[in-house]
Amino acid sequence: MPQLLKKFENNQLTSSKFSISTGTGLSPDILNSLLAEEFDVAFCSKCRDDNLFEFTPISRQKMVLITPLNHPLANKTAVNLAETLPYP
């Protein structure tokens, strides 16, 4: 995202029409700020299933899970993220 935003900001056709600020945070906090109209657009993980926001995926990532050899998930070839919830 940083490279795309930089290109967008440096484009003379758009630079005078938009104000762009960046920051990081947890998705629930970002969505609460969006709901409070602190900004108009946000990039975050989808973490709500309601009709208050329109989510459009812009990217997908594979994640890797690393565990000790004796961990209950260690011998699985694939793990659903929900399966990791019981573990710190």
C-alpha atoms as a PDB file:
ATOM      1  CA  MET A   1       0.000   0.000   0.000  1.00  0.00           C
ATOM      2  CA  PRO A   2       2.703   2.579   0.777  1.00  0.00           C
ATOM      3  CA  GLN A   3       4.044   2.521  -2.800  1.00  0.00           C
ATOM      4  CA  LEU A   4       0.550   2.837  -4.289  1.00  0.00           C
ATOM      5  CA  LEU A   5      -0.309   5.751  -2.029  1.00  0.00           C
ATOM      6  CA  LYS A   6       2.924   7.522  -2.889  1.00  0.00           C
ATOM      7  CA  LYS A   7       2.178   7.224  -6.619  1.00  0.00           C
ATOM      8  CA  PHE A   8      -1.350   8.482  -5.997  1.00  0.00           C
ATOM      9  CA  GLU A   9      -0.133  11.456  -3.952  1.00  0.00           C
ATOM     10  CA  ASN A  10       2.496  12.367  -6.565  1.00  0.00           C
ATOM     11  CA  ASN A  11      -0.023  12.311  -9.418  1.00  0.00           C
ATOM     12  CA  GLN A  12      -0.716  15.944 -10.356  1.00  0.00           C
ATOM     13  CA  LEU A  13      -4.272  15.087 -11.438  1.00  0.00           C
ATOM     14  CA  THR A  14      -5.234  13.864  -7.967  1.00  0.00           C
ATOM     15  CA  SER A  15      -2.856  15.477  -5.485  1.00  0.00           C
ATOM     16  CA  SER A  16      -4.875  18.687  -5.095  1.00  0.00           C
ATOM     17  CA  LYS A  17      -8.194  16.850  -4.709  1.00  0.00           C
ATOM     18  CA  PHE A  18      -7.344  14.444  -1.886  1.00  0.00           C
ATOM     19  CA  SER A  19      -5.807  14.536   1.547  1.00  0.00           C
ATOM     20  CA  ILE A  20      -4.100  11.272   2.466  1.00  0.00           C
ATOM     21  CA  SER A  21      -2.896  10.318   5.908  1.00  0.00           C
ATOM     22  CA  THR A  22      -1.559   6.941   6.922  1.00  0.00           C
ATOM     23  CA  GLY A  23      -1.294   5.043  10.148  1.00  0.00           C
ATOM     24  CA  THR A  24      -1.513   1.572  11.570  1.00  0.00           C
ATOM     25  CA  GLY A  25      -3.768  -0.092  14.078  1.00  0.00           C
ATOM     26  CA  LEU A  26      -5.962  -3.043  14.830  1.00  0.00           C
ATOM     27  CA  SER A  27      -8.861  -3.612  12.447  1.00  0.00           C
ATOM     28  CA  PRO A  28     -11.597  -3.053  15.086  1.00  0.00           C
ATOM     29  CA  ASP A  29     -10.031   0.297  16.031  1.00  0.00           C
ATOM     30  CA  ILE A  30      -9.699   1.310  12.377  1.00  0.00           C
ATOM     31  CA  LEU A  31     -13.351   0.458  11.733  1.00  0.00           C
ATOM     32  CA  ASN A  32     -14.478   2.390  14.809  1.00  0.00           C
ATOM     33  CA  SER A  33     -12.575   5.433  13.505  1.00  0.00           C
ATOM     34  CA  LEU A  34     -14.201   4.985  10.127  1.00  0.00           C
ATOM     35  CA  LEU A  35     -17.610   4.757  11.796  1.00  0.00           C
ATOM     36  CA  ALA A  36     -16.809   7.968  13.708  1.00  0.00           C
ATOM     37  CA  GLU A  37     -16.097   9.584  10.300  1.00  0.00           C
ATOM     38  CA  GLU A  38     -12.493  10.348  11.181  1.00  0.00           C
ATOM     39  CA  PHE A  39     -11.709   9.255   7.617  1.00  0.00           C
ATOM     40  CA  ASP A  40     -13.548   8.065   4.520  1.00  0.00           C
ATOM     41  CA  VAL A  41     -11.628   4.944   3.467  1.00  0.00           C
ATOM     42  CA  ALA A  42      -9.703   2.346   5.449  1.00  0.00           C
ATOM     43  CA  PHE A  43      -7.571  -0.668   4.604  1.00  0.00           C
ATOM     44  CA  CYS A  44      -7.813  -3.471   7.154  1.00  0.00           C
ATOM     45  CA  SER A  45      -8.820  -7.081   7.661  1.00  0.00           C
ATOM     46  CA  LYS A  46     -12.484  -7.933   7.513  1.00  0.00           C
ATOM     47  CA  CYS A  47     -13.567  -8.487  11.089  1.00  0.00           C
ATOM     48  CA  ARG A  48     -17.255  -7.579  11.041  1.00  0.00           C
ATOM     49  CA  ASP A  49     -20.260  -9.126   9.362  1.00  0.00           C
ATOM     50  CA  ASP A  50     -22.715  -6.279   9.389  1.00  0.00           C
ATOM     51  CA  ASN A  51     -24.154  -3.870   6.859  1.00  0.00           C
ATOM     52  CA  LEU A  52     -22.320  -0.790   8.140  1.00  0.00           C
ATOM     53  CA  PHE A  53     -19.327  -1.234   5.832  1.00  0.00           C
ATOM     54  CA  GLU A  54     -18.603  -2.454   2.346  1.00  0.00           C
ATOM     55  CA  PHE A  55     -15.553  -4.727   2.263  1.00  0.00           C
ATOM     56  CA  THR A  56     -13.652  -5.254  -0.971  1.00  0.00           C
ATOM     57  CA  PRO A  57     -10.676  -7.647  -0.843  1.00  0.00           C
ATOM     58  CA  ILE A  58      -7.585  -6.111  -2.426  1.00  0.00           C
ATOM     59  CA  SER A  59      -5.074  -8.807  -1.480  1.00  0.00           C
ATOM     60  CA  ARG A  60      -4.797 -12.323  -0.117  1.00  0.00           C
ATOM     61  CA  GLN A  61      -1.878 -13.760   1.809  1.00  0.00           C
ATOM     62  CA  LYS A  62      -0.819 -17.226   2.814  1.00  0.00           C
ATOM     63  CA  MET A  63       0.114 -17.497   6.447  1.00  0.00           C
ATOM     64  CA  VAL A  64       2.565 -19.921   8.003  1.00  0.00           C
ATOM     65  CA  LEU A  65       2.040 -21.499  11.406  1.00  0.00           C
ATOM     66  CA  ILE A  66       5.147 -22.508  13.351  1.00  0.00           C
ATOM     67  CA  THR A  67       4.746 -24.782  16.371  1.00  0.00           C
ATOM     68  CA  PRO A  68       6.909 -26.935  18.626  1.00  0.00           C
ATOM     69  CA  LEU A  69       7.186 -30.542  17.385  1.00  0.00           C
ATOM     70  CA  ASN A  70       4.948 -31.844  20.177  1.00  0.00           C
ATOM     71  CA  HIS A  71       2.169 -29.273  19.633  1.00  0.00           C
ATOM     72  CA  PRO A  72      -1.341 -30.626  18.790  1.00  0.00           C
ATOM     73  CA  LEU A  73      -1.328 -28.738  15.457  1.00  0.00           C
ATOM     74  CA  ALA A  74       2.227 -29.723  14.483  1.00  0.00           C
ATOM     75  CA  ASN A  75       1.362 -32.701  12.247  1.00  0.00           C
ATOM     76  CA  LYS A  76      -1.382 -30.978  10.241  1.00  0.00           C
ATOM     77  CA  THR A  77      -0.691 -29.990   6.647  1.00  0.00           C
ATOM     78  CA  ALA A  78      -3.280 -27.187   6.785  1.00  0.00           C
ATOM     79  CA  VAL A  79      -4.821 -25.292   9.682  1.00  0.00           C
ATOM     80  CA  ASN A  80      -7.892 -23.089   9.734  1.00  0.00           C
ATOM     81  CA  LEU A  81      -7.238 -19.868  11.625  1.00  0.00           C
ATOM     82  CA  ALA A  82     -10.122 -20.710  13.964  1.00  0.00           C
ATOM     83  CA  GLU A  83      -8.201 -23.836  15.064  1.00  0.00           C
ATOM     84  CA  THR A  84      -5.474 -21.616  16.531  1.00  0.00           C
ATOM     85  CA  LEU A  85      -7.825 -19.697  18.868  1.00  0.00           C
ATOM     86  CA  PRO A  86      -7.402 -21.999  21.894  1.00  0.00           C
ATOM     87  CA  TYR A  87      -3.625 -21.408  21.902  1.00  0.00           C
ATOM     88  CA  PRO A  88      -1.777 -18.328  23.143  1.00  0.00           C
END
